[in-house]
Every structure is written in structure tokens, then in C-alpha cells.
N, C-alpha and C. Protein backbone atom coordinates (compact mmCIF):
# COMPACT_ATOMS: atom_id res chain seq x y z
N MET A 1 65.20 120.87 99.03
CA MET A 1 66.58 120.09 99.81
C MET A 1 65.70 119.10 100.84
N ILE A 2 66.36 117.84 101.16
CA ILE A 2 65.57 116.93 101.72
C ILE A 2 67.05 117.10 103.11
N ARG A 3 66.68 117.77 103.83
CA ARG A 3 67.26 117.77 105.62
C ARG A 3 67.37 116.94 106.49
N PHE A 4 65.88 116.33 106.28
CA PHE A 4 66.00 115.30 107.79
C PHE A 4 64.70 114.30 107.23
N LEU A 5 65.25 112.99 107.63
CA LEU A 5 64.08 111.83 107.03
C LEU A 5 64.23 110.98 108.63
N ARG A 6 63.06 110.25 108.76
CA ARG A 6 62.60 109.26 109.81
C ARG A 6 61.79 108.11 109.18
N GLY A 7 62.38 106.81 109.25
CA GLY A 7 61.44 105.64 108.95
C GLY A 7 62.40 104.79 109.15
N LYS A 8 62.25 103.18 108.30
CA LYS A 8 62.50 101.93 108.84
C LYS A 8 63.69 101.65 107.88
N VAL A 9 64.74 101.19 108.07
CA VAL A 9 65.33 100.82 107.08
C VAL A 9 65.74 99.60 107.12
N LEU A 10 65.36 99.20 105.69
CA LEU A 10 64.99 97.90 104.58
C LEU A 10 65.87 97.10 104.70
N PHE A 11 66.81 97.48 104.20
CA PHE A 11 68.35 96.63 104.10
C PHE A 11 69.35 97.22 104.14
N LYS A 12 70.47 97.40 103.96
CA LYS A 12 71.74 97.52 104.07
C LYS A 12 72.20 97.16 102.82
N GLU A 13 73.52 97.81 102.99
CA GLU A 13 74.37 97.53 101.65
C GLU A 13 75.80 98.26 101.76
N GLU A 14 77.17 98.18 101.00
CA GLU A 14 77.96 98.47 101.73
C GLU A 14 77.61 100.16 100.76
N GLY A 15 78.05 100.80 102.14
CA GLY A 15 78.14 102.48 101.91
C GLY A 15 77.69 103.01 101.93
N GLY A 16 76.56 102.04 102.24
CA GLY A 16 74.86 102.59 102.87
C GLY A 16 73.58 101.80 102.90
N PHE A 17 72.56 102.69 102.96
CA PHE A 17 71.52 101.60 103.45
C PHE A 17 70.38 102.28 103.08
N VAL A 18 69.08 101.33 102.80
CA VAL A 18 67.62 102.03 101.81
C VAL A 18 66.87 102.49 103.31
N LEU A 19 66.14 103.56 103.27
CA LEU A 19 65.26 103.66 104.49
C LEU A 19 63.81 104.01 103.73
N GLU A 20 63.01 103.28 104.59
CA GLU A 20 61.95 103.31 104.23
C GLU A 20 60.95 104.35 104.54
N VAL A 21 60.53 105.63 103.62
CA VAL A 21 60.05 106.92 104.54
C VAL A 21 58.68 106.90 103.71
N GLY A 22 57.33 106.61 104.39
CA GLY A 22 56.03 106.91 103.56
C GLY A 22 56.11 106.27 102.72
N GLY A 23 56.25 104.72 102.14
CA GLY A 23 56.42 103.77 101.47
C GLY A 23 57.57 104.23 100.28
N VAL A 24 58.06 105.11 100.32
CA VAL A 24 59.67 105.37 99.12
C VAL A 24 60.76 105.26 99.90
N GLY A 25 61.55 104.41 98.86
CA GLY A 25 62.98 103.90 99.74
C GLY A 25 63.65 104.60 99.20
N PHE A 26 64.66 105.78 100.36
CA PHE A 26 65.86 106.42 99.98
C PHE A 26 66.90 105.46 99.68
N TYR A 27 68.11 105.53 98.95
CA TYR A 27 69.20 105.23 99.58
C TYR A 27 70.11 106.02 100.05
N LEU A 28 70.58 105.94 100.93
CA LEU A 28 71.76 106.81 101.96
C LEU A 28 73.07 106.48 102.12
N GLN A 29 74.34 106.81 101.43
CA GLN A 29 74.90 106.65 102.15
C GLN A 29 75.28 107.72 103.31
N ALA A 30 76.27 106.81 104.00
CA ALA A 30 76.63 106.85 105.34
C ALA A 30 78.34 107.14 106.05
N PRO A 31 78.78 107.53 106.88
CA PRO A 31 79.95 106.87 107.58
C PRO A 31 79.87 105.67 108.00
N GLU A 32 80.91 104.76 108.15
CA GLU A 32 81.10 103.72 108.26
C GLU A 32 81.00 103.49 109.85
N PRO A 33 80.94 104.32 110.96
CA PRO A 33 80.88 103.92 112.20
C PRO A 33 79.11 103.77 112.37
N PHE A 34 78.57 104.97 111.68
CA PHE A 34 77.06 105.07 111.59
C PHE A 34 76.14 103.76 111.25
N LEU A 35 76.75 103.23 109.62
CA LEU A 35 76.50 102.46 109.12
C LEU A 35 76.40 101.02 109.94
N ARG A 36 77.37 100.78 110.93
CA ARG A 36 77.87 99.75 111.49
C ARG A 36 76.39 99.75 112.79
N GLU A 37 76.39 101.10 113.43
CA GLU A 37 75.42 100.86 114.06
C GLU A 37 73.76 100.85 113.81
N VAL A 38 73.56 100.96 112.43
CA VAL A 38 72.15 100.80 111.68
C VAL A 38 71.68 99.44 111.45
N ARG A 39 70.45 99.19 112.11
CA ARG A 39 69.87 97.53 112.21
C ARG A 39 68.57 97.78 111.34
N GLU A 40 68.71 96.58 110.37
CA GLU A 40 67.35 95.99 109.75
C GLU A 40 66.30 96.18 110.19
N GLY A 41 65.46 96.72 109.70
CA GLY A 41 63.94 96.86 110.36
C GLY A 41 63.46 97.96 111.74
N GLU A 42 64.74 98.49 112.02
CA GLU A 42 64.88 99.33 113.08
C GLU A 42 64.42 100.79 112.43
N GLU A 43 63.60 101.91 113.61
CA GLU A 43 63.13 102.89 112.72
C GLU A 43 64.54 103.87 113.21
N VAL A 44 65.03 104.55 112.45
CA VAL A 44 65.65 105.31 112.52
C VAL A 44 65.68 107.09 111.65
N ALA A 45 66.25 108.12 112.53
CA ALA A 45 66.36 109.20 112.09
C ALA A 45 67.09 109.68 111.88
N VAL A 46 67.74 110.64 111.03
CA VAL A 46 68.87 111.09 110.28
C VAL A 46 68.82 112.18 109.84
N HIS A 47 69.74 113.19 109.95
CA HIS A 47 70.44 114.28 109.20
C HIS A 47 70.58 113.83 107.45
N THR A 48 69.97 114.44 106.99
CA THR A 48 70.46 114.13 105.33
C THR A 48 71.38 115.27 104.67
N HIS A 49 72.08 115.50 103.45
CA HIS A 49 72.82 116.17 103.00
C HIS A 49 72.35 115.67 101.42
N LEU A 50 72.00 116.33 100.63
CA LEU A 50 71.77 116.23 99.08
C LEU A 50 72.70 116.88 98.22
N LEU A 51 73.12 115.86 97.41
CA LEU A 51 74.08 116.37 96.66
C LEU A 51 73.59 115.83 95.18
N SER A 52 73.32 117.27 94.11
CA SER A 52 73.26 116.71 92.99
C SER A 52 74.58 116.62 92.07
N ARG A 53 75.00 115.99 91.29
CA ARG A 53 75.91 115.58 90.12
C ARG A 53 75.35 115.57 88.93
N GLU A 54 76.32 115.33 87.61
CA GLU A 54 76.08 114.97 86.68
C GLU A 54 75.38 113.67 86.10
N GLU A 55 76.47 112.63 87.50
CA GLU A 55 75.31 111.44 87.11
C GLU A 55 73.94 111.17 87.90
N GLY A 56 73.63 111.92 88.44
CA GLY A 56 72.42 111.83 89.42
C GLY A 56 71.86 112.83 91.00
N LEU A 57 71.09 112.14 91.41
CA LEU A 57 70.92 112.79 93.31
C LEU A 57 71.47 111.85 94.00
N PHE A 58 72.17 112.52 94.72
CA PHE A 58 73.32 111.69 96.12
C PHE A 58 72.49 111.96 97.44
N LEU A 59 72.07 111.47 98.19
CA LEU A 59 71.97 111.46 98.95
C LEU A 59 72.23 110.83 100.28
N TYR A 60 72.97 111.85 101.50
CA TYR A 60 73.95 111.22 102.38
C TYR A 60 73.36 111.54 103.76
N ALA A 61 73.30 110.48 104.98
CA ALA A 61 72.53 110.44 106.05
C ALA A 61 73.75 110.48 107.10
N PHE A 62 73.45 111.25 108.60
CA PHE A 62 74.23 111.32 109.26
C PHE A 62 73.44 111.25 110.67
N PRO A 63 74.16 110.58 111.65
CA PRO A 63 73.01 110.34 113.06
C PRO A 63 73.01 111.48 113.77
N ASP A 64 73.62 112.71 113.56
CA ASP A 64 73.53 113.92 114.15
C ASP A 64 74.08 115.49 113.26
N GLY A 65 73.69 116.37 114.22
CA GLY A 65 73.87 117.31 113.47
C GLY A 65 75.14 117.86 112.97
N GLU A 66 75.65 117.97 114.13
CA GLU A 66 77.26 117.85 113.98
C GLU A 66 78.09 117.02 112.58
N SER A 67 78.01 115.96 112.96
CA SER A 67 78.69 115.03 111.00
C SER A 67 78.19 115.83 110.18
N HIS A 68 76.89 116.53 110.19
CA HIS A 68 76.18 116.95 109.00
C HIS A 68 76.78 118.03 108.92
N ARG A 69 77.27 118.95 109.63
CA ARG A 69 77.46 120.30 109.38
C ARG A 69 78.92 120.24 109.05
N LEU A 70 79.96 118.83 109.45
CA LEU A 70 80.92 119.34 109.08
C LEU A 70 81.58 118.52 107.40
N PHE A 71 80.46 117.40 107.05
CA PHE A 71 80.23 116.92 105.67
C PHE A 71 80.29 117.95 104.96
N GLY A 72 79.07 118.83 105.46
CA GLY A 72 79.26 120.05 104.40
C GLY A 72 80.31 121.31 104.32
N LEU A 73 81.03 121.27 105.52
CA LEU A 73 82.06 122.41 105.53
C LEU A 73 83.17 121.42 104.46
N LEU A 74 83.62 120.51 104.83
CA LEU A 74 84.45 119.54 104.20
C LEU A 74 83.80 119.78 102.43
N LEU A 75 82.66 119.50 101.93
CA LEU A 75 82.72 119.61 100.60
C LEU A 75 82.96 120.90 100.19
N SER A 76 82.70 122.24 101.05
CA SER A 76 83.29 123.46 100.64
C SER A 76 84.70 123.70 100.32
N VAL A 77 85.56 123.04 100.91
CA VAL A 77 87.30 122.93 100.02
C VAL A 77 87.13 122.18 99.06
N SER A 78 88.11 122.72 97.87
CA SER A 78 88.20 122.65 96.81
C SER A 78 89.45 121.25 97.07
N GLY A 79 88.88 120.42 95.91
CA GLY A 79 89.24 119.35 95.90
C GLY A 79 88.81 118.22 96.96
N VAL A 80 87.71 118.03 97.78
CA VAL A 80 87.19 117.35 98.45
C VAL A 80 85.43 117.20 98.02
N GLY A 81 85.73 115.85 97.95
CA GLY A 81 84.47 115.37 97.33
C GLY A 81 83.47 114.72 98.67
N PRO A 82 82.40 113.99 98.32
CA PRO A 82 81.47 113.54 99.20
C PRO A 82 82.31 112.11 99.47
N LYS A 83 83.44 111.46 98.52
CA LYS A 83 83.88 110.34 99.37
C LYS A 83 85.08 110.83 100.07
N VAL A 84 85.97 111.96 99.80
CA VAL A 84 86.77 112.14 101.24
C VAL A 84 86.05 112.38 102.41
N ALA A 85 85.09 113.55 102.39
CA ALA A 85 84.47 113.43 103.23
C ALA A 85 84.19 112.62 104.52
N LEU A 86 83.26 111.54 103.57
CA LEU A 86 82.69 110.33 104.58
C LEU A 86 84.21 110.19 104.82
N ALA A 87 84.88 109.50 104.20
CA ALA A 87 86.25 108.70 104.79
C ALA A 87 86.77 109.42 105.97
N LEU A 88 87.05 110.85 106.27
CA LEU A 88 87.14 111.79 107.34
C LEU A 88 86.11 111.25 108.42
N LEU A 89 85.06 111.34 107.97
CA LEU A 89 84.08 111.21 109.32
C LEU A 89 84.07 109.93 109.93
N SER A 90 84.60 108.71 108.95
CA SER A 90 84.44 107.56 109.15
C SER A 90 85.94 107.01 110.11
N ALA A 91 86.89 107.95 109.54
CA ALA A 91 87.93 107.65 110.25
C ALA A 91 88.49 108.19 111.76
N LEU A 92 87.83 109.36 111.77
CA LEU A 92 87.92 110.38 112.99
C LEU A 92 86.85 110.71 114.05
N GLY A 93 85.82 110.26 113.35
CA GLY A 93 84.59 110.89 114.13
C GLY A 93 83.87 112.08 113.96
N PRO A 94 83.19 112.89 114.76
CA PRO A 94 82.90 114.34 114.59
C PRO A 94 83.83 115.10 115.75
N ARG A 95 83.85 114.38 116.60
CA ARG A 95 84.70 114.97 117.74
C ARG A 95 86.10 115.11 117.21
N LEU A 96 86.95 114.25 117.14
CA LEU A 96 88.13 114.17 116.54
C LEU A 96 88.30 114.99 115.06
N LEU A 97 87.30 114.75 114.35
CA LEU A 97 87.83 115.43 113.21
C LEU A 97 87.54 116.64 113.45
N ALA A 98 86.71 117.47 114.46
CA ALA A 98 86.12 119.06 114.47
C ALA A 98 87.60 119.50 115.54
N GLN A 99 88.06 118.34 116.19
CA GLN A 99 89.52 119.09 117.02
C GLN A 99 90.73 119.26 115.51
N ALA A 100 90.88 118.79 115.01
CA ALA A 100 91.69 118.18 113.91
C ALA A 100 91.43 119.75 113.22
N LEU A 101 90.24 120.03 113.00
CA LEU A 101 89.96 121.06 112.08
C LEU A 101 90.49 122.13 112.47
N ALA A 102 90.03 122.45 113.91
CA ALA A 102 90.29 123.57 114.90
C ALA A 102 91.71 123.66 114.92
N GLU A 103 92.61 122.63 115.14
CA GLU A 103 93.40 123.15 115.30
C GLU A 103 94.88 123.04 114.38
N GLY A 104 93.99 122.78 113.20
CA GLY A 104 94.97 122.50 111.74
C GLY A 104 95.77 121.48 111.46
N ASP A 105 95.57 120.35 112.00
CA ASP A 105 96.35 118.84 112.08
C ASP A 105 96.46 118.61 111.17
N VAL A 106 97.04 118.76 109.91
CA VAL A 106 97.67 118.09 108.76
C VAL A 106 97.68 116.40 108.97
N LYS A 107 98.36 116.42 110.32
CA LYS A 107 99.22 114.71 110.34
C LYS A 107 97.49 113.70 110.42
N LEU A 108 96.89 114.20 111.53
CA LEU A 108 95.67 113.35 111.60
C LEU A 108 94.39 113.42 110.49
N LEU A 109 94.44 114.47 109.89
CA LEU A 109 93.53 114.71 108.67
C LEU A 109 94.32 113.57 107.41
N ALA A 110 95.65 113.63 107.29
CA ALA A 110 96.18 112.49 106.48
C ALA A 110 95.83 111.11 106.46
N SER A 111 95.84 110.69 108.02
CA SER A 111 95.73 109.52 108.41
C SER A 111 94.28 109.16 107.76
N ALA A 112 93.12 109.82 107.25
CA ALA A 112 92.16 109.42 106.65
C ALA A 112 92.42 108.78 105.30
N SER A 113 91.77 107.57 105.04
CA SER A 113 91.99 106.70 103.81
C SER A 113 91.65 108.06 102.49
N GLY A 114 92.34 108.19 101.50
CA GLY A 114 92.18 108.79 100.65
C GLY A 114 92.52 110.53 100.62
N VAL A 115 93.26 110.73 101.79
CA VAL A 115 93.41 112.04 102.13
C VAL A 115 95.15 111.82 102.48
N GLY A 116 95.40 112.75 101.08
CA GLY A 116 97.34 112.86 101.02
C GLY A 116 97.80 113.67 101.71
N LYS A 117 98.78 114.36 102.24
CA LYS A 117 99.64 115.18 102.71
C LYS A 117 98.88 117.22 102.21
N ARG A 118 99.18 116.88 100.80
CA ARG A 118 98.84 118.16 100.03
C ARG A 118 97.55 118.44 100.24
N LEU A 119 96.06 117.80 100.64
CA LEU A 119 94.87 117.67 100.38
C LEU A 119 94.59 117.90 102.16
N ALA A 120 94.93 117.72 102.77
CA ALA A 120 95.52 117.72 104.15
C ALA A 120 95.46 119.07 104.74
N GLU A 121 96.56 119.09 103.81
CA GLU A 121 96.82 120.73 104.48
C GLU A 121 95.98 121.89 103.36
N ARG A 122 95.54 121.80 102.61
CA ARG A 122 94.56 122.71 102.03
C ARG A 122 93.33 122.62 102.81
N ILE A 123 92.70 121.49 103.24
CA ILE A 123 91.36 121.44 104.18
C ILE A 123 92.16 121.89 105.49
N ALA A 124 93.30 121.86 106.19
CA ALA A 124 93.24 122.59 107.18
C ALA A 124 93.50 124.21 107.37
N LEU A 125 94.12 124.47 106.01
CA LEU A 125 94.19 125.85 105.89
C LEU A 125 93.24 126.70 105.47
N GLU A 126 91.59 126.03 104.98
CA GLU A 126 90.98 126.70 104.62
C GLU A 126 89.69 126.72 105.38
N LEU A 127 89.54 125.12 106.53
CA LEU A 127 88.64 125.39 107.50
C LEU A 127 89.05 125.85 108.71
N LYS A 128 90.47 125.95 108.77
CA LYS A 128 90.91 126.53 109.98
C LYS A 128 89.92 127.81 110.82
N GLY A 129 90.08 128.10 111.75
CA GLY A 129 88.86 129.39 112.22
C GLY A 129 87.43 128.86 111.89
N LYS A 130 87.12 127.84 111.43
CA LYS A 130 85.60 127.82 111.06
C LYS A 130 84.97 127.10 111.90
N VAL A 131 85.89 126.14 112.46
CA VAL A 131 85.26 124.87 113.74
C VAL A 131 85.87 125.37 114.91
N LEU A 132 85.01 125.41 115.93
CA LEU A 132 85.58 125.59 117.14
C LEU A 132 85.68 123.82 117.29
N PRO A 133 86.92 123.87 118.40
CA PRO A 133 87.28 122.58 119.45
C PRO A 133 85.81 122.39 120.10
N PRO A 134 85.65 120.55 120.22
CA PRO A 134 84.75 120.21 121.00
C PRO A 134 85.34 120.44 122.20
N SER A 135 84.02 120.78 123.22
CA SER A 135 84.17 121.01 124.67
C SER A 135 83.83 119.52 125.47
N ALA A 136 84.76 119.10 126.44
CA ALA A 136 84.50 117.58 127.02
C ALA A 136 83.78 118.43 128.30
N PRO A 137 83.36 117.39 128.98
CA PRO A 137 82.29 117.46 130.04
C PRO A 137 83.36 117.97 131.24
N ALA A 138 83.03 118.62 132.81
CA ALA A 138 84.14 119.04 133.41
C ALA A 138 85.05 118.41 133.50
N ALA A 139 84.63 116.70 134.19
CA ALA A 139 85.81 115.84 134.79
C ALA A 139 86.77 115.14 133.85
N GLN A 140 86.05 115.03 132.39
CA GLN A 140 86.95 114.92 131.25
C GLN A 140 87.60 115.37 130.78
N GLY A 141 87.62 117.07 131.02
CA GLY A 141 88.52 118.58 130.33
C GLY A 141 89.17 118.37 130.94
N VAL A 142 89.36 118.09 132.66
CA VAL A 142 90.63 117.95 133.31
C VAL A 142 91.57 116.90 133.22
N ALA A 143 91.13 115.61 132.93
CA ALA A 143 91.71 114.37 132.79
C ALA A 143 92.05 114.51 131.40
N VAL A 144 91.68 115.40 130.37
CA VAL A 144 92.26 115.67 129.10
C VAL A 144 93.59 116.67 129.19
N GLU A 145 93.08 117.67 129.39
CA GLU A 145 94.06 118.59 130.02
C GLU A 145 95.16 118.42 130.44
N GLU A 146 95.36 117.63 132.08
CA GLU A 146 96.38 116.52 132.54
C GLU A 146 97.14 115.74 131.26
N ALA A 147 96.71 114.94 130.70
CA ALA A 147 96.82 114.32 129.48
C ALA A 147 97.77 114.46 128.91
N VAL A 148 97.16 115.81 128.10
CA VAL A 148 98.25 116.78 127.12
C VAL A 148 99.21 117.30 127.22
N LEU A 149 98.81 117.39 128.83
CA LEU A 149 100.22 118.16 129.39
C LEU A 149 101.36 117.46 129.65
N ALA A 150 101.22 116.11 129.90
CA ALA A 150 102.36 115.56 130.14
C ALA A 150 102.26 114.87 129.13
N LEU A 151 102.09 114.74 127.95
CA LEU A 151 102.68 114.17 126.46
C LEU A 151 103.65 115.96 125.67
N LEU A 152 102.85 117.06 126.35
CA LEU A 152 103.99 118.26 125.75
C LEU A 152 105.54 117.94 126.45
N ALA A 153 105.09 117.60 127.73
CA ALA A 153 106.21 117.40 128.64
C ALA A 153 107.37 116.16 127.99
N LEU A 154 106.45 115.41 127.82
CA LEU A 154 107.55 114.69 126.73
C LEU A 154 108.09 114.57 125.39
N GLY A 155 107.97 116.02 125.12
CA GLY A 155 107.97 116.51 123.48
C GLY A 155 106.91 116.32 122.71
N PHE A 156 106.06 115.92 122.72
CA PHE A 156 105.03 115.60 121.34
C PHE A 156 104.90 116.69 121.18
N ARG A 157 103.81 117.23 119.86
CA ARG A 157 103.40 118.27 119.50
C ARG A 157 102.15 118.40 120.30
N GLU A 158 101.66 119.40 120.36
CA GLU A 158 99.97 119.57 120.87
C GLU A 158 99.17 119.19 120.23
N GLY A 159 99.25 119.60 118.96
CA GLY A 159 97.93 119.26 118.13
C GLY A 159 98.10 117.53 117.96
N ALA A 160 99.05 116.94 117.84
CA ALA A 160 99.56 115.02 117.79
C ALA A 160 98.87 114.89 119.24
N ALA A 161 99.22 115.26 120.25
CA ALA A 161 99.42 115.05 121.58
C ALA A 161 97.81 114.41 121.80
N ARG A 162 96.81 116.42 121.61
CA ARG A 162 95.39 116.39 121.88
C ARG A 162 94.82 115.45 121.20
N ALA A 163 95.09 115.32 119.64
CA ALA A 163 94.45 114.15 118.95
C ALA A 163 94.21 112.68 119.45
N ALA A 164 95.67 112.58 119.85
CA ALA A 164 95.81 110.95 120.51
C ALA A 164 95.00 110.86 122.13
N VAL A 165 94.71 111.96 122.91
CA VAL A 165 94.18 112.09 123.56
C VAL A 165 92.70 111.84 123.80
N LEU A 166 92.33 112.48 122.63
CA LEU A 166 90.82 112.69 122.23
C LEU A 166 90.65 111.37 121.96
N GLU A 167 91.41 110.99 120.73
CA GLU A 167 90.97 109.19 120.26
C GLU A 167 90.65 108.42 121.86
N ALA A 168 91.81 108.70 122.43
CA ALA A 168 92.01 107.44 123.37
C ALA A 168 90.63 107.62 124.23
N LEU A 169 90.20 109.10 124.56
CA LEU A 169 88.57 109.21 125.31
C LEU A 169 87.64 108.84 124.92
N SER A 170 87.63 108.70 123.66
CA SER A 170 86.19 108.23 122.48
C SER A 170 86.01 106.88 123.44
N LYS A 171 87.36 106.11 123.10
CA LYS A 171 87.16 104.76 123.55
C LYS A 171 86.98 104.31 124.81
N ALA A 172 87.30 105.38 125.75
CA ALA A 172 86.94 105.44 126.87
C ALA A 172 86.95 106.56 127.91
N PRO A 173 85.29 106.56 127.33
CA PRO A 173 84.93 108.18 127.89
C PRO A 173 85.17 108.53 129.71
N SER A 174 85.33 107.37 130.32
CA SER A 174 85.32 107.86 131.42
C SER A 174 86.90 107.41 131.99
N ALA A 175 87.95 107.46 131.37
CA ALA A 175 89.04 107.09 131.92
C ALA A 175 89.79 108.28 132.13
N LYS A 176 90.56 107.95 133.43
CA LYS A 176 91.75 109.14 134.29
C LYS A 176 92.64 109.26 133.41
N ALA A 177 93.17 110.55 133.64
CA ALA A 177 94.53 110.85 133.32
C ALA A 177 95.31 109.95 132.92
N GLN A 178 95.99 109.27 133.69
CA GLN A 178 97.03 108.09 133.62
C GLN A 178 96.81 107.45 132.38
N ASP A 179 95.19 106.63 132.54
CA ASP A 179 94.53 105.70 131.09
C ASP A 179 94.82 106.77 129.70
N LEU A 180 94.50 107.84 129.83
CA LEU A 180 94.33 108.61 128.29
C LEU A 180 95.71 108.49 127.91
N ILE A 181 96.81 109.16 129.10
CA ILE A 181 98.42 108.76 128.59
C ILE A 181 98.72 107.84 128.05
N LYS A 182 98.71 106.59 128.45
CA LYS A 182 99.28 105.06 127.69
C LYS A 182 98.71 105.07 126.81
N GLU A 183 97.10 105.09 126.71
CA GLU A 183 96.56 105.04 125.13
C GLU A 183 97.03 106.17 124.35
N ALA A 184 97.14 107.22 124.87
CA ALA A 184 97.83 108.45 123.50
C ALA A 184 99.14 107.79 123.21
N LEU A 185 99.87 107.52 124.70
CA LEU A 185 101.53 107.04 123.66
C LEU A 185 101.37 105.59 122.81
N LYS A 186 100.55 105.03 122.69
CA LYS A 186 100.34 103.61 122.06
C LYS A 186 100.10 104.54 120.37
N LYS A 187 99.42 105.52 120.85
CA LYS A 187 98.53 105.99 118.80
C LYS A 187 100.21 106.98 118.54
N LEU A 188 101.28 107.21 119.21
CA LEU A 188 101.99 108.50 118.96
C LEU A 188 103.16 107.90 118.75
N ARG A 189 103.63 106.76 119.40
CA ARG A 189 104.74 106.04 118.89
C ARG A 189 104.85 105.36 117.51
């Protein structure tokens, strides 16, 4: 099993890139946010997942171990293939995806391309309890909790409120509670 590669990015294609390692070019599919970061000619280190199908061998690349772990968990769900798992990681990112899985937030899971309500419900049911919610640094944690409590007071569900606040936090990591509330309200309306 190929679990980790380090090499030079030769070129990018839609949905993936070719990584040269020791004179061998590996085609790696990856989540969209990671693909946008990868630059041709740069050396990168990636966590990989090798999938064997009738059509051949497929290699998937992730920038960190958490994304790789979530991808493997998603593949364990009946009806979830690599395309859907990548779509979830691309749309939500590892932090927000872990939060959605920990809370069983069907609405947030269904917001990814190719994930309908029924599939989102199956994913939430099968993976709830298998993923711990991500922890935030102490100062950010206080701002997040204040923002979530404010949204709960406005009548929003906890899962939706927390997901919206965490998404706002991912866009502005040093935001204060009031800024997180404003951004989360834009998402929730």
C-alpha cells in the first residue's frame, strides 16, 4: 500500500496532478482546495490512499493525515465512492466535515455536490460517533461558543449554527464572536 509520497509536481490536470518520485510519475487525484495550492515545479509531500477497482489502480492525495483519515472513513459507508468522498472534502474541508460528521449534520453534508439527502442521512448515521469534533485554540473556542450561543438564542439549530460559525472561522481565523455571528447569519439565511 502506498501511504505517503514526496516529490516534484510535474503538471496539473483537472481533478489531479502528476508527482514525480524517483523518476516515476504518479497521477494523484485530490480535493479541489489542495489542487489550487499545488504549484507545478514545487516539491510536495502528500498522504495517499490507493484504491483498487476493476478499471485499475487509483491514487488519491491529501495534504494532511486528517483529510486522509476522513476520506477512508467516508469510503467505508455503503454508497460512497471516491468521487463523493472528494466532493465532501472539497466542499467542506476536513475541519467542517469532521464537525458535520460528529454532529450528524445532514443538511451540511447534503450541501456537497453529488450528495443527496438520503446519502447524507446514511453517512451521518454510519459515521456518527466515529469522528470527534475538531478542537479550536482556546481564544477561538470562546469566540465560537459565544457565536453559537447567540445563534441558538435566535432560534437556529445547534448543528447548523455551529457549522456556519466554523465555516466563518475557517475564512477568518482571528475573527471575534460578533464577526462570526454576522458571517454565519449570511450563510444561515
